[in-house]
Amino acid sequence: MSGVGQVTSGRPPRRYFLPLAALVGIALPFLSGVATQEAAAQAERLIPAAAHALPAHGEARPTRAWREFCGRLPAECKVDLAQPELIELTPAAWAEMVAVNKAVNHAVRGVTDQEQWGVEDRWDYPSTGIGDCEDIQLLKRKLLAERGLSRRAMRMTVVIDQEGAGHAVLMVRTSRGDFILDNKRDAVLPWKRTGYVYLKREGAQGSQWVSLGRQADPIMTANR
C-alpha cells in the first residue's frame, strides 16, 4: 500500500486470468484438518495471553482505493449488524487464523499496485495470484469468513510500518483482544507486538471508518 489510488501510468490494468476460486484452491490444501481435535488442542497451548483491544477515537475517512473497491464490489463492504463484533477466540478459531494467514502468505506473490495495475494504490482480490498487502489481507478475510468467523469482527486496518511507509493489515477483533494478520510475517500477533503505528480501520457499524489515533506499540514508540 503506497498511495491513494491515483493513476500514475497510461498502461491499462491487467485482466484477471485466474478465477478467485482457483486461488482459494491453492490455499485450501494448507488448511485441511485445521479444526481437528488434535489441532485444536495444540492451538489451545499456542494462543497468546490476552491482548488489549485497540479502541477507536472517532470517525476517519476511508482511503480512496477502498471506496473504489466498494464501488466495484459493494457486497464485500457491507456490514452485517447481526454478526458479532468480536470472535470468541477458541482453539479452533485460533488454528484457523494462523493457518489461513500462513497459507495465503505463501500462495500469493507480493507485487506493488504500480507493477500490476499501473496505479499507485488499488484494493482488490489477488485473483491473478499476485497482489500487495491489502489484496492479500482481503483474501484472508474472505477465507476466514467462509470458514465461519464473523466478517464484522475482521477489519481492514491502515498502519505505518517500521520504515515509515503506509501498510494494510487485517485486524481480527476477538474475546482475547485484537490480533493482526499480516503478509510480512506468518505469525499472528497481538497488535501491540507488531511494531506498527495504527491510523484507522473499517468501522463495525457501517461504511464509515474509525480513527485509531496514531496509536503505537511500545517498540515503535521507543524507536521514535
Protein backbone atom coordinates (compact mmCIF):
# COMPACT_ATOMS: atom_id res chain seq x y z
CA MET A 1 0.00 0.00 0.00
CA SER A 2 1.81 3.06 -1.20
CA GLY A 3 -0.71 5.72 -2.17
CA VAL A 4 -4.29 6.80 -2.53
CA GLY A 5 -5.28 5.33 -5.86
CA GLN A 6 -4.05 7.99 -8.28
CA VAL A 7 -3.22 6.82 -11.80
CA THR A 8 0.47 7.26 -12.48
CA SER A 9 0.76 5.41 -15.79
CA GLY A 10 -1.20 5.14 -19.00
CA ARG A 11 -0.78 1.36 -19.05
CA PRO A 12 -4.23 -0.30 -18.78
CA PRO A 13 -4.92 -2.65 -15.85
CA ARG A 14 -4.23 -6.31 -16.44
CA ARG A 15 -7.23 -8.53 -16.98
CA TYR A 16 -7.89 -11.28 -14.46
CA PHE A 17 -6.65 -14.61 -15.75
CA LEU A 18 -7.14 -16.80 -12.67
CA PRO A 19 -10.58 -17.07 -11.01
CA LEU A 20 -10.61 -16.32 -7.30
CA ALA A 21 -11.94 -19.81 -6.66
CA ALA A 22 -8.79 -21.23 -8.24
CA LEU A 23 -6.59 -19.14 -5.97
CA VAL A 24 -8.59 -20.26 -2.96
CA GLY A 25 -7.97 -23.79 -4.15
CA ILE A 26 -4.25 -23.11 -3.93
CA ALA A 27 -4.57 -22.15 -0.29
CA LEU A 28 -7.04 -24.77 0.87
CA PRO A 29 -4.61 -27.73 0.90
CA PHE A 30 -2.68 -25.89 3.59
CA LEU A 31 -5.85 -25.71 5.68
CA SER A 32 -7.06 -29.30 5.58
CA GLY A 33 -7.67 -30.70 9.03
CA VAL A 34 -7.03 -27.38 10.75
CA ALA A 35 -10.04 -27.65 13.01
CA THR A 36 -9.46 -31.26 14.03
CA GLN A 37 -9.46 -32.12 17.70
CA GLU A 38 -5.69 -32.61 17.72
CA ALA A 39 -5.05 -29.26 16.03
CA ALA A 40 -7.46 -27.53 18.38
CA ALA A 41 -5.70 -28.99 21.41
CA GLN A 42 -2.37 -27.79 20.09
CA ALA A 43 -3.84 -24.37 19.34
CA GLU A 44 -5.05 -24.05 22.95
CA ARG A 45 -1.43 -24.24 24.05
CA LEU A 46 -0.33 -21.73 21.42
CA ILE A 47 -2.93 -18.98 21.89
CA PRO A 48 -1.11 -15.92 23.25
CA ALA A 49 -2.06 -14.33 26.54
CA ALA A 50 -4.93 -11.91 26.26
CA ALA A 51 -4.11 -8.82 24.19
CA HIS A 52 -5.64 -5.42 24.78
CA ALA A 53 -8.32 -4.19 22.42
CA LEU A 54 -7.39 -1.19 20.29
CA PRO A 55 -10.07 1.48 20.89
CA ALA A 56 -11.33 3.85 18.22
CA HIS A 57 -11.18 7.63 18.51
CA GLY A 58 -13.97 8.95 16.32
CA GLU A 59 -14.58 8.71 12.60
CA ALA A 60 -11.99 8.58 9.82
CA ARG A 61 -12.20 8.86 6.06
CA PRO A 62 -11.72 5.60 4.14
CA THR A 63 -8.92 5.52 1.59
CA ARG A 64 -9.88 6.38 -1.97
CA ALA A 65 -8.82 2.91 -3.10
CA TRP A 66 -11.20 1.35 -0.54
CA ARG A 67 -14.09 3.46 -1.81
CA GLU A 68 -13.30 2.39 -5.36
CA PHE A 69 -13.15 -1.25 -4.27
CA CYS A 70 -16.56 -0.92 -2.61
CA GLY A 71 -17.93 0.68 -5.76
CA ARG A 72 -16.87 -2.36 -7.78
CA LEU A 73 -17.85 -4.97 -5.16
CA PRO A 74 -20.40 -3.39 -2.78
CA ALA A 75 -21.34 -6.70 -1.16
CA GLU A 76 -17.75 -7.07 0.06
CA CYS A 77 -18.03 -3.85 2.06
CA LYS A 78 -21.46 -4.37 3.59
CA VAL A 79 -21.56 -4.61 7.39
CA ASP A 80 -23.98 -7.21 8.72
CA LEU A 81 -25.08 -5.88 12.11
CA ALA A 82 -26.44 -9.31 13.02
CA GLN A 83 -22.89 -10.66 13.19
CA PRO A 84 -20.86 -10.26 16.42
CA GLU A 85 -18.22 -7.54 16.64
CA LEU A 86 -15.87 -9.95 18.43
CA ILE A 87 -14.86 -13.52 17.63
CA GLU A 88 -14.81 -15.97 20.53
CA LEU A 89 -11.16 -16.99 20.42
CA THR A 90 -11.49 -20.73 20.77
CA PRO A 91 -8.58 -23.06 19.92
CA ALA A 92 -10.31 -23.91 16.65
CA ALA A 93 -10.71 -20.23 15.69
CA TRP A 94 -7.07 -19.54 16.55
CA ALA A 95 -5.92 -22.50 14.46
CA GLU A 96 -7.95 -21.21 11.51
CA MET A 97 -6.45 -17.73 11.80
CA VAL A 98 -2.88 -18.99 11.94
CA ALA A 99 -3.36 -21.46 9.09
CA VAL A 100 -5.08 -19.00 6.76
CA ASN A 101 -2.51 -16.29 7.44
CA LYS A 102 0.36 -18.62 6.54
CA ALA A 103 -1.38 -20.28 3.60
CA VAL A 104 -2.29 -17.04 1.83
CA ASN A 105 1.13 -15.51 2.51
CA HIS A 106 2.69 -18.47 0.70
CA ALA A 107 0.07 -18.71 -2.07
CA VAL A 108 0.14 -15.08 -3.26
CA ARG A 109 3.27 -13.46 -4.66
CA GLY A 110 3.69 -9.89 -3.49
CA VAL A 111 3.92 -7.13 -6.11
CA THR A 112 3.11 -3.43 -5.97
CA ASP A 113 -0.04 -1.92 -7.46
CA GLN A 114 2.19 0.08 -9.79
CA GLU A 115 3.70 -3.13 -11.15
CA GLN A 116 0.38 -4.92 -11.53
CA TRP A 117 -2.13 -2.20 -12.37
CA GLY A 118 -0.11 0.85 -13.31
CA VAL A 119 -1.65 2.85 -10.44
CA GLU A 120 -0.33 3.95 -7.08
CA ASP A 121 -3.00 2.26 -4.97
CA ARG A 122 -5.75 -0.23 -5.85
CA TRP A 123 -7.56 -2.62 -3.50
CA ASP A 124 -8.74 -5.89 -4.99
CA TYR A 125 -8.68 -9.64 -4.57
CA PRO A 126 -5.40 -11.18 -5.83
CA SER A 127 -7.17 -13.21 -8.50
CA THR A 128 -4.07 -13.21 -10.68
CA GLY A 129 -2.06 -14.95 -7.95
CA ILE A 130 -0.21 -11.72 -7.23
CA GLY A 131 -1.07 -8.67 -5.16
CA ASP A 132 0.09 -6.29 -2.49
CA CYS A 133 -0.65 -6.02 1.22
CA GLU A 134 -4.33 -5.06 1.15
CA ASP A 135 -5.17 -7.59 -1.58
CA ILE A 136 -3.62 -10.37 0.48
CA GLN A 137 -5.50 -9.36 3.65
CA LEU A 138 -8.80 -9.18 1.75
CA LEU A 139 -8.35 -12.77 0.63
CA LYS A 140 -7.57 -13.88 4.19
CA ARG A 141 -10.78 -12.30 5.41
CA LYS A 142 -12.79 -13.95 2.67
CA LEU A 143 -11.39 -17.39 3.52
CA LEU A 144 -11.92 -16.97 7.25
CA ALA A 145 -15.49 -15.72 6.75
CA GLU A 146 -16.21 -18.75 4.58
CA ARG A 147 -14.92 -20.93 7.40
CA GLY A 148 -17.37 -19.43 9.89
CA LEU A 149 -15.57 -16.50 11.52
CA SER A 150 -17.54 -13.27 11.86
CA ARG A 151 -16.73 -10.99 8.96
CA ARG A 152 -17.79 -7.98 11.02
CA ALA A 153 -15.05 -8.79 13.55
CA MET A 154 -12.34 -8.76 10.86
CA ARG A 155 -11.45 -5.19 9.98
CA MET A 156 -9.11 -3.89 7.29
CA THR A 157 -6.64 -1.57 9.01
CA VAL A 158 -4.18 1.06 7.81
CA VAL A 159 -0.86 1.41 9.65
CA ILE A 160 2.60 2.93 9.29
CA ASP A 161 5.28 0.26 9.27
CA GLN A 162 8.81 0.34 10.73
CA GLU A 163 10.15 2.01 7.57
CA GLY A 164 7.59 4.81 7.80
CA ALA A 165 5.55 3.54 4.84
CA GLY A 166 1.80 3.02 4.61
CA HIS A 167 0.73 -0.60 5.03
CA ALA A 168 -2.54 -2.55 5.32
CA VAL A 169 -3.19 -5.42 7.74
CA LEU A 170 -6.21 -7.43 8.82
CA MET A 171 -7.22 -6.83 12.44
CA VAL A 172 -9.20 -9.70 13.94
CA ARG A 173 -11.13 -8.49 16.96
CA THR A 174 -11.58 -11.28 19.50
CA SER A 175 -12.68 -12.02 23.04
CA ARG A 176 -8.97 -12.04 23.94
CA GLY A 177 -8.10 -8.76 22.26
CA ASP A 178 -7.13 -7.59 18.79
CA PHE A 179 -4.76 -9.68 16.66
CA ILE A 180 -3.05 -8.87 13.36
CA LEU A 181 -2.83 -10.97 10.21
CA ASP A 182 -0.02 -9.61 8.05
CA ASN A 183 1.66 -10.56 4.79
CA LYS A 184 5.04 -9.56 6.25
CA ARG A 185 5.04 -12.44 8.74
CA ASP A 186 3.38 -15.81 9.21
CA ALA A 187 2.94 -15.31 12.97
CA VAL A 188 -0.39 -13.87 14.13
CA LEU A 189 0.48 -11.25 16.75
CA PRO A 190 -1.35 -9.04 19.24
CA TRP A 191 -1.50 -5.54 17.78
CA LYS A 192 0.95 -4.21 20.39
CA ARG A 193 3.70 -6.56 19.20
CA THR A 194 3.79 -5.65 15.51
CA GLY A 195 5.95 -2.53 15.58
CA TYR A 196 3.31 -0.53 13.68
CA VAL A 197 1.62 2.83 14.22
CA TYR A 198 -2.15 2.37 13.85
CA LEU A 199 -4.02 5.03 11.87
CA LYS A 200 -7.54 3.80 11.06
CA ARG A 201 -9.69 0.75 10.38
CA GLU A 202 -13.08 -0.17 9.00
CA GLY A 203 -15.91 0.62 11.35
CA ALA A 204 -18.22 -2.09 12.63
CA GLN A 205 -21.43 -0.07 12.32
CA GLY A 206 -21.46 0.89 8.65
CA SER A 207 -19.35 2.20 5.79
CA GLN A 208 -17.56 4.86 7.83
CA TRP A 209 -14.06 4.05 9.08
CA VAL A 210 -12.79 4.90 12.57
CA SER A 211 -9.61 6.63 13.69
CA LEU A 212 -7.10 4.75 15.84
CA GLY A 213 -5.36 7.95 16.93
CA ARG A 214 -1.89 7.02 15.61
CA GLN A 215 -1.53 4.54 18.45
CA ALA A 216 1.78 2.72 18.50
CA ASP A 217 3.09 -0.34 20.25
CA PRO A 218 5.85 0.14 22.86
CA ILE A 219 8.60 -0.94 20.43
CA MET A 220 7.60 1.63 17.82
CA THR A 221 7.25 4.35 20.45
CA ALA A 222 10.73 3.61 21.84
CA ASN A 223 12.27 3.76 18.37
CA ARG A 224 10.85 7.17 17.50
